[in-house]
Amino acid sequence: MIDWRPSATRETLRHRARLLAVARDYFDATGALEVETPSLSRACVTDVHLASVAATVCGGRYFLHTSPEYAMKRLLAAGMGDIWQAARVYRDGESGRHHCPEFTLIEWYRLGLDHHGLMHDIETLTVSLLEGTRTLLPSERLSYAEVLERHAGLNAFTASANDITATLQAAHVDAPAGLASDRDACLDLLMSTVVGPRLGQGRLTFVYDYPASQAALARVRGDVASRFEMYLDGLELANGFHELTHAPEQRERFNQDMRTRAARGLPTSVLDEPFLAALEHGLPECAGVALGFDRLLMCALRLPHIDEALAFRFESR
């Protein structure tokens, strides 16, 4: 028998709609323009930890975006000022209790802020979104080095890949074969399975100053990236950057990502040249963040599975 029924209750969907209205009011009050950008692009994501969903459209090869970031930065370069959107995004290979291949991000950019200023902005919004359902302890801000030392007993900048895999094994985490050859992949797995679940217990925990090798699209200062993540109930809810504005450096990062992808047998495609052209034109000083809206709803209502935050669960078969 085919189960056609929604996976979320009417009460949950009403609360979801209310939270979107609260977010819209917040951005309107703080001067951010709501925008909509295309979901389809000729370029797939370059980040080796993400996988795009491919699509054939009008006989051409496209990819559904994993984030609206590139298109939104083109709007920033065109002088649109502070902007935000609630976007459906798509990531292949992500399915489980806290993951769905199709989900909603609230993403926004503030001119003239760094990542520390943006932490205050997202904290204000998140507390507003949780009002009436959750009362939180005061938030905390910890460096990446502090959380790895506290929860894994490792030095984030000197521990070897073998040290990290040994810590994973001691925590009974199965590491894929060959992982020890990729230190950043080891750190990413450690953060998602051992450290992250211990963060944000009853409060918002901000983790900042990630290793420079994990900068993604953030600017780098010495050996650290101007990047943060926000956790609640052991869930990563947001990822934010003091945005890189230097086009040649961004192109080189993309090219390095593509070389790594090719070496691992991962899909590659053309670079997002319109985005790089926008950087060449000039991206204003800004900070940006993406907030996982479905996960936030899970935290607000203490839902045990992401399916319960969605009108319909993902049909995996």
Protein backbone atom coordinates (compact mmCIF):
# COMPACT_ATOMS: atom_id res chain seq x y z
CA MET A 1 0.00 0.00 0.00
CA ILE A 2 1.36 3.40 -0.98
CA ASP A 3 1.77 5.80 1.94
CA TRP A 4 0.69 9.15 0.47
CA ARG A 5 0.32 10.97 3.78
CA PRO A 6 2.51 13.88 4.97
CA SER A 7 5.43 13.16 7.27
CA ALA A 8 4.83 16.37 9.28
CA THR A 9 1.77 17.19 11.37
CA ARG A 10 -0.41 20.20 10.66
CA GLU A 11 0.82 21.77 13.89
CA THR A 12 4.43 21.39 12.75
CA LEU A 13 3.67 22.90 9.34
CA ARG A 14 1.91 25.83 11.01
CA HIS A 15 4.97 26.38 13.19
CA ARG A 16 7.23 26.13 10.15
CA ALA A 17 5.21 28.82 8.39
CA ARG A 18 5.32 31.02 11.50
CA LEU A 19 9.12 30.75 11.71
CA LEU A 20 9.47 31.78 8.07
CA ALA A 21 7.27 34.79 8.80
CA VAL A 22 9.43 35.70 11.82
CA ALA A 23 12.56 35.45 9.67
CA ARG A 24 11.01 37.61 6.96
CA ASP A 25 10.04 40.27 9.52
CA TYR A 26 13.56 40.19 11.01
CA PHE A 27 15.29 40.75 7.70
CA ASP A 28 12.82 43.44 6.69
CA ALA A 29 13.47 45.25 9.99
CA THR A 30 17.24 44.98 9.56
CA GLY A 31 17.30 46.21 5.98
CA ALA A 32 18.03 43.02 4.03
CA LEU A 33 16.39 42.59 0.63
CA GLU A 34 14.67 39.26 -0.03
CA VAL A 35 15.88 37.72 -3.31
CA GLU A 36 15.38 34.57 -5.36
CA THR A 37 18.17 33.05 -7.44
CA PRO A 38 18.24 30.09 -9.89
CA SER A 39 18.54 26.53 -8.59
CA LEU A 40 20.20 25.28 -11.79
CA SER A 41 23.80 25.99 -12.78
CA ARG A 42 26.25 24.79 -15.41
CA ALA A 43 28.84 24.33 -12.66
CA CYS A 44 28.73 21.74 -9.91
CA VAL A 45 30.02 22.45 -6.43
CA THR A 46 33.81 22.20 -6.07
CA ASP A 47 33.87 21.46 -2.31
CA VAL A 48 35.16 17.89 -2.01
CA HIS A 49 32.87 17.23 0.97
CA LEU A 50 29.68 18.01 -1.01
CA ALA A 51 28.04 16.32 -3.99
CA SER A 52 25.79 18.07 -6.49
CA VAL A 53 22.65 16.56 -7.98
CA ALA A 54 22.94 16.45 -11.78
CA ALA A 55 20.06 17.28 -14.12
CA THR A 56 19.50 17.24 -17.87
CA VAL A 57 17.64 20.35 -19.03
CA CYS A 58 16.93 21.23 -22.70
CA GLY A 59 19.53 18.65 -23.69
CA GLY A 60 22.24 20.28 -21.57
CA ARG A 61 24.01 19.12 -18.40
CA TYR A 62 23.20 21.15 -15.30
CA PHE A 63 23.46 20.81 -11.54
CA LEU A 64 21.04 21.74 -8.78
CA HIS A 65 22.74 24.11 -6.40
CA THR A 66 24.02 22.96 -3.00
CA SER A 67 23.71 26.58 -1.84
CA PRO A 68 22.61 29.85 -3.46
CA GLU A 69 25.97 31.39 -2.49
CA TYR A 70 27.51 32.02 -5.90
CA ALA A 71 24.41 33.65 -7.36
CA MET A 72 23.85 35.77 -4.25
CA LYS A 73 27.42 37.04 -4.40
CA ARG A 74 26.81 38.10 -7.99
CA LEU A 75 23.95 40.22 -6.65
CA LEU A 76 26.27 41.68 -4.00
CA ALA A 77 28.82 42.58 -6.67
CA ALA A 78 26.03 44.30 -8.61
CA GLY A 79 25.36 46.61 -5.65
CA MET A 80 22.22 45.04 -4.13
CA GLY A 81 23.38 45.59 -0.54
CA ASP A 82 22.35 43.27 2.31
CA ILE A 83 20.34 40.34 0.90
CA TRP A 84 18.71 37.12 2.09
CA GLN A 85 16.64 34.23 0.82
CA ALA A 86 14.98 31.01 1.92
CA ALA A 87 16.17 28.55 -0.72
CA ARG A 88 15.56 24.90 -1.49
CA VAL A 89 18.95 23.27 -1.98
CA TYR A 90 20.10 19.80 -3.02
CA ARG A 91 22.99 17.58 -1.91
CA ASP A 92 23.51 14.07 -3.20
CA GLY A 93 24.40 11.28 -0.78
CA GLU A 94 22.98 13.05 2.28
CA SER A 95 20.13 11.08 3.82
CA GLY A 96 19.44 10.08 7.41
CA ARG A 97 18.08 11.25 10.72
CA HIS A 98 19.53 14.75 10.31
CA HIS A 99 19.97 14.86 6.54
CA CYS A 100 17.71 15.04 3.50
CA PRO A 101 18.92 15.42 -0.12
CA GLU A 102 16.47 18.32 -0.56
CA PHE A 103 16.22 20.85 2.24
CA THR A 104 15.83 24.54 3.04
CA LEU A 105 18.59 27.03 3.82
CA ILE A 106 18.08 30.57 5.00
CA GLU A 107 21.14 32.32 3.60
CA TRP A 108 22.08 35.97 3.99
CA TYR A 109 24.90 38.47 3.56
CA ARG A 110 25.72 41.62 5.51
CA LEU A 111 27.98 44.32 4.13
CA GLY A 112 30.69 45.69 6.41
CA LEU A 113 30.62 42.80 8.91
CA ASP A 114 33.22 40.15 9.68
CA HIS A 115 32.37 36.66 10.92
CA HIS A 116 32.32 37.80 14.57
CA GLY A 117 29.76 40.49 13.78
CA LEU A 118 27.68 37.96 11.87
CA MET A 119 27.66 35.62 14.88
CA HIS A 120 25.78 38.30 16.81
CA ASP A 121 23.35 38.72 13.91
CA ILE A 122 22.51 35.03 13.62
CA GLU A 123 22.25 34.66 17.38
CA THR A 124 19.65 37.44 17.49
CA LEU A 125 17.64 35.81 14.70
CA THR A 126 17.90 32.29 16.14
CA VAL A 127 16.76 33.37 19.60
CA SER A 128 13.77 35.11 17.96
CA LEU A 129 12.93 31.95 15.99
CA LEU A 130 13.06 29.79 19.13
CA GLU A 131 11.03 32.17 21.28
CA GLY A 132 8.04 30.41 22.80
CA THR A 133 9.45 26.91 22.31
CA ARG A 134 12.97 26.96 23.76
CA THR A 135 14.65 28.95 26.52
CA LEU A 136 18.41 28.78 26.05
CA LEU A 137 21.37 29.28 28.33
CA PRO A 138 23.72 32.13 27.35
CA SER A 139 25.55 31.32 24.13
CA GLU A 140 29.24 30.46 24.05
CA ARG A 141 32.01 31.18 21.55
CA LEU A 142 34.91 28.75 21.33
CA SER A 143 37.75 28.42 18.87
CA TYR A 144 38.09 25.28 16.78
CA ALA A 145 41.30 24.51 18.66
CA GLU A 146 39.47 24.78 22.01
CA VAL A 147 36.66 22.38 21.10
CA LEU A 148 39.01 19.75 19.69
CA GLU A 149 41.20 19.90 22.79
CA ARG A 150 38.19 19.80 25.12
CA HIS A 151 36.18 17.05 23.44
CA ALA A 152 38.79 14.98 21.59
CA GLY A 153 42.05 15.68 23.43
CA LEU A 154 43.79 16.70 20.20
CA ASN A 155 45.73 19.71 19.00
CA ALA A 156 43.82 20.82 15.91
CA PHE A 157 46.91 22.17 14.18
CA THR A 158 49.57 19.57 15.03
CA ALA A 159 47.74 16.24 15.36
CA SER A 160 48.52 13.89 12.49
CA ALA A 161 45.94 12.03 10.43
CA ASN A 162 46.99 8.86 12.27
CA ASP A 163 46.37 10.59 15.63
CA ILE A 164 42.90 11.60 14.48
CA THR A 165 41.98 8.15 13.12
CA ALA A 166 43.17 6.60 16.40
CA THR A 167 40.81 8.95 18.26
CA LEU A 168 37.98 7.97 15.91
CA GLN A 169 38.65 4.28 16.50
CA ALA A 170 38.70 4.83 20.28
CA ALA A 171 35.26 6.44 19.93
CA HIS A 172 34.07 3.41 17.92
CA VAL A 173 33.67 5.40 14.73
CA ASP A 174 34.26 3.42 11.55
CA ALA A 175 36.63 5.37 9.31
CA PRO A 176 36.55 4.63 5.55
CA ALA A 177 39.56 2.84 4.12
CA GLY A 178 42.27 5.27 3.04
CA LEU A 179 40.98 8.10 5.21
CA ALA A 180 44.31 8.42 7.01
CA SER A 181 45.80 9.88 3.84
CA ASP A 182 43.51 12.93 4.07
CA ARG A 183 43.96 14.90 7.29
CA ASP A 184 41.14 17.35 6.60
CA ALA A 185 38.73 14.49 5.88
CA CYS A 186 39.77 12.95 9.21
CA LEU A 187 39.09 16.24 11.01
CA ASP A 188 35.74 16.61 9.27
CA LEU A 189 34.66 13.11 10.36
CA LEU A 190 35.90 13.75 13.90
CA MET A 191 33.92 17.00 14.08
CA SER A 192 30.71 15.42 12.79
CA THR A 193 30.80 12.24 14.88
CA VAL A 194 32.71 12.96 18.10
CA VAL A 195 33.01 16.69 18.77
CA GLY A 196 29.90 18.22 17.19
CA PRO A 197 27.34 16.03 19.02
CA ARG A 198 28.74 17.36 22.33
CA LEU A 199 28.27 21.01 21.40
CA GLY A 200 25.29 23.30 21.91
CA GLN A 201 23.80 21.48 24.87
CA GLY A 202 21.01 23.81 25.95
CA ARG A 203 22.74 26.80 24.38
CA LEU A 204 24.03 28.09 21.06
CA THR A 205 27.69 27.19 20.64
CA PHE A 206 29.72 29.09 18.06
CA VAL A 207 32.95 27.48 16.85
CA TYR A 208 35.26 29.86 15.01
CA ASP A 209 38.76 30.07 13.48
CA TYR A 210 38.83 26.79 11.58
CA PRO A 211 42.12 25.59 10.06
CA ALA A 212 43.07 27.51 6.93
CA SER A 213 42.86 24.28 4.93
CA GLN A 214 39.10 24.25 5.66
CA ALA A 215 38.47 27.83 4.58
CA ALA A 216 36.14 27.02 1.65
CA LEU A 217 35.07 30.54 0.56
CA ALA A 218 36.27 32.34 3.70
CA ARG A 219 39.30 34.60 3.92
CA VAL A 220 42.41 33.29 5.69
CA ARG A 221 44.48 34.90 8.43
CA GLY A 222 47.74 33.06 8.98
CA ASP A 223 46.86 29.45 9.79
CA VAL A 224 43.16 30.05 10.49
CA ALA A 225 40.09 30.70 8.35
CA SER A 226 37.61 33.46 9.18
CA ARG A 227 34.81 30.94 9.43
CA PHE A 228 32.35 29.81 12.10
CA GLU A 229 29.72 27.16 12.68
CA MET A 230 26.77 27.31 15.08
CA TYR A 231 25.54 24.28 17.05
CA LEU A 232 22.46 23.50 19.13
CA ASP A 233 21.57 20.12 20.63
CA GLY A 234 24.67 18.63 19.02
CA LEU A 235 23.49 19.67 15.55
CA GLU A 236 25.36 21.98 13.22
CA LEU A 237 22.79 24.59 12.28
CA ALA A 238 24.84 27.21 10.44
CA ASN A 239 28.09 27.82 8.61
CA GLY A 240 29.33 31.39 8.14
CA PHE A 241 32.30 33.18 6.54
CA HIS A 242 34.03 36.52 6.43
CA GLU A 243 33.90 36.29 2.67
CA LEU A 244 36.92 36.02 0.42
CA THR A 245 36.87 38.87 -2.12
CA HIS A 246 40.13 38.14 -4.01
CA ALA A 247 39.23 36.56 -7.36
CA PRO A 248 42.64 35.00 -8.24
CA GLU A 249 42.82 33.26 -4.85
CA GLN A 250 39.26 31.98 -5.23
CA ARG A 251 40.03 30.62 -8.70
CA GLU A 252 43.08 28.80 -7.37
CA ARG A 253 41.04 27.28 -4.54
CA PHE A 254 38.47 26.06 -7.08
CA ASN A 255 41.20 24.60 -9.27
CA GLN A 256 42.75 22.83 -6.28
CA ASP A 257 39.33 21.43 -5.36
CA MET A 258 38.91 20.13 -8.90
CA ARG A 259 42.34 18.47 -8.81
CA THR A 260 41.43 16.79 -5.53
CA ARG A 261 38.07 15.72 -6.93
CA ALA A 262 39.70 14.20 -9.99
CA ALA A 263 42.23 12.35 -7.82
CA ARG A 264 39.37 10.87 -5.75
CA GLY A 265 37.26 9.96 -8.76
CA LEU A 266 34.58 12.52 -7.87
CA PRO A 267 32.51 14.40 -10.49
CA THR A 268 34.01 17.58 -11.91
CA SER A 269 32.69 20.25 -14.24
CA VAL A 270 33.45 23.71 -15.51
CA LEU A 271 34.16 26.42 -12.95
CA ASP A 272 31.42 28.93 -12.20
CA GLU A 273 32.83 31.66 -14.43
CA PRO A 274 29.97 34.16 -13.89
CA PHE A 275 30.68 34.02 -10.15
CA LEU A 276 34.43 34.48 -10.69
CA ALA A 277 33.71 37.38 -13.06
CA ALA A 278 31.62 39.00 -10.33
CA LEU A 279 34.57 38.70 -7.93
CA GLU A 280 36.81 40.30 -10.55
CA HIS A 281 34.33 43.17 -10.83
CA GLY A 282 34.47 43.58 -7.05
CA LEU A 283 32.71 41.93 -4.14
CA PRO A 284 32.10 44.38 -1.27
CA GLU A 285 33.47 43.62 2.18
CA CYS A 286 30.88 41.30 3.69
CA ALA A 287 30.09 38.25 5.76
CA GLY A 288 27.58 35.53 4.88
CA VAL A 289 25.92 32.59 6.59
CA ALA A 290 23.62 29.69 5.74
CA LEU A 291 21.18 28.45 8.41
CA GLY A 292 19.66 24.97 8.11
CA PHE A 293 15.97 25.79 8.52
CA ASP A 294 14.68 22.22 8.79
CA ARG A 295 17.19 21.39 11.51
CA LEU A 296 16.28 24.57 13.36
CA LEU A 297 12.63 23.47 13.31
CA MET A 298 13.73 20.09 14.66
CA CYS A 299 15.44 21.85 17.58
CA ALA A 300 12.52 24.21 18.17
CA LEU A 301 9.99 21.38 18.48
CA ARG A 302 12.44 18.67 19.64
CA LEU A 303 11.62 16.49 16.65
CA PRO A 304 13.59 13.22 16.54
CA HIS A 305 13.90 12.98 12.73
CA ILE A 306 14.19 15.56 9.95
CA ASP A 307 11.30 13.87 8.11
CA GLU A 308 8.99 15.26 10.79
CA ALA A 309 10.07 18.81 9.88
CA LEU A 310 9.19 18.29 6.19
CA ALA A 311 5.78 18.13 4.53
CA PHE A 312 6.85 14.87 2.84
CA ARG A 313 9.83 12.64 3.57
CA PHE A 314 12.35 11.95 0.82
CA GLU A 315 11.34 8.95 -1.29
CA SER A 316 14.56 6.95 -1.26
CA ARG A 317 13.06 4.09 -3.25
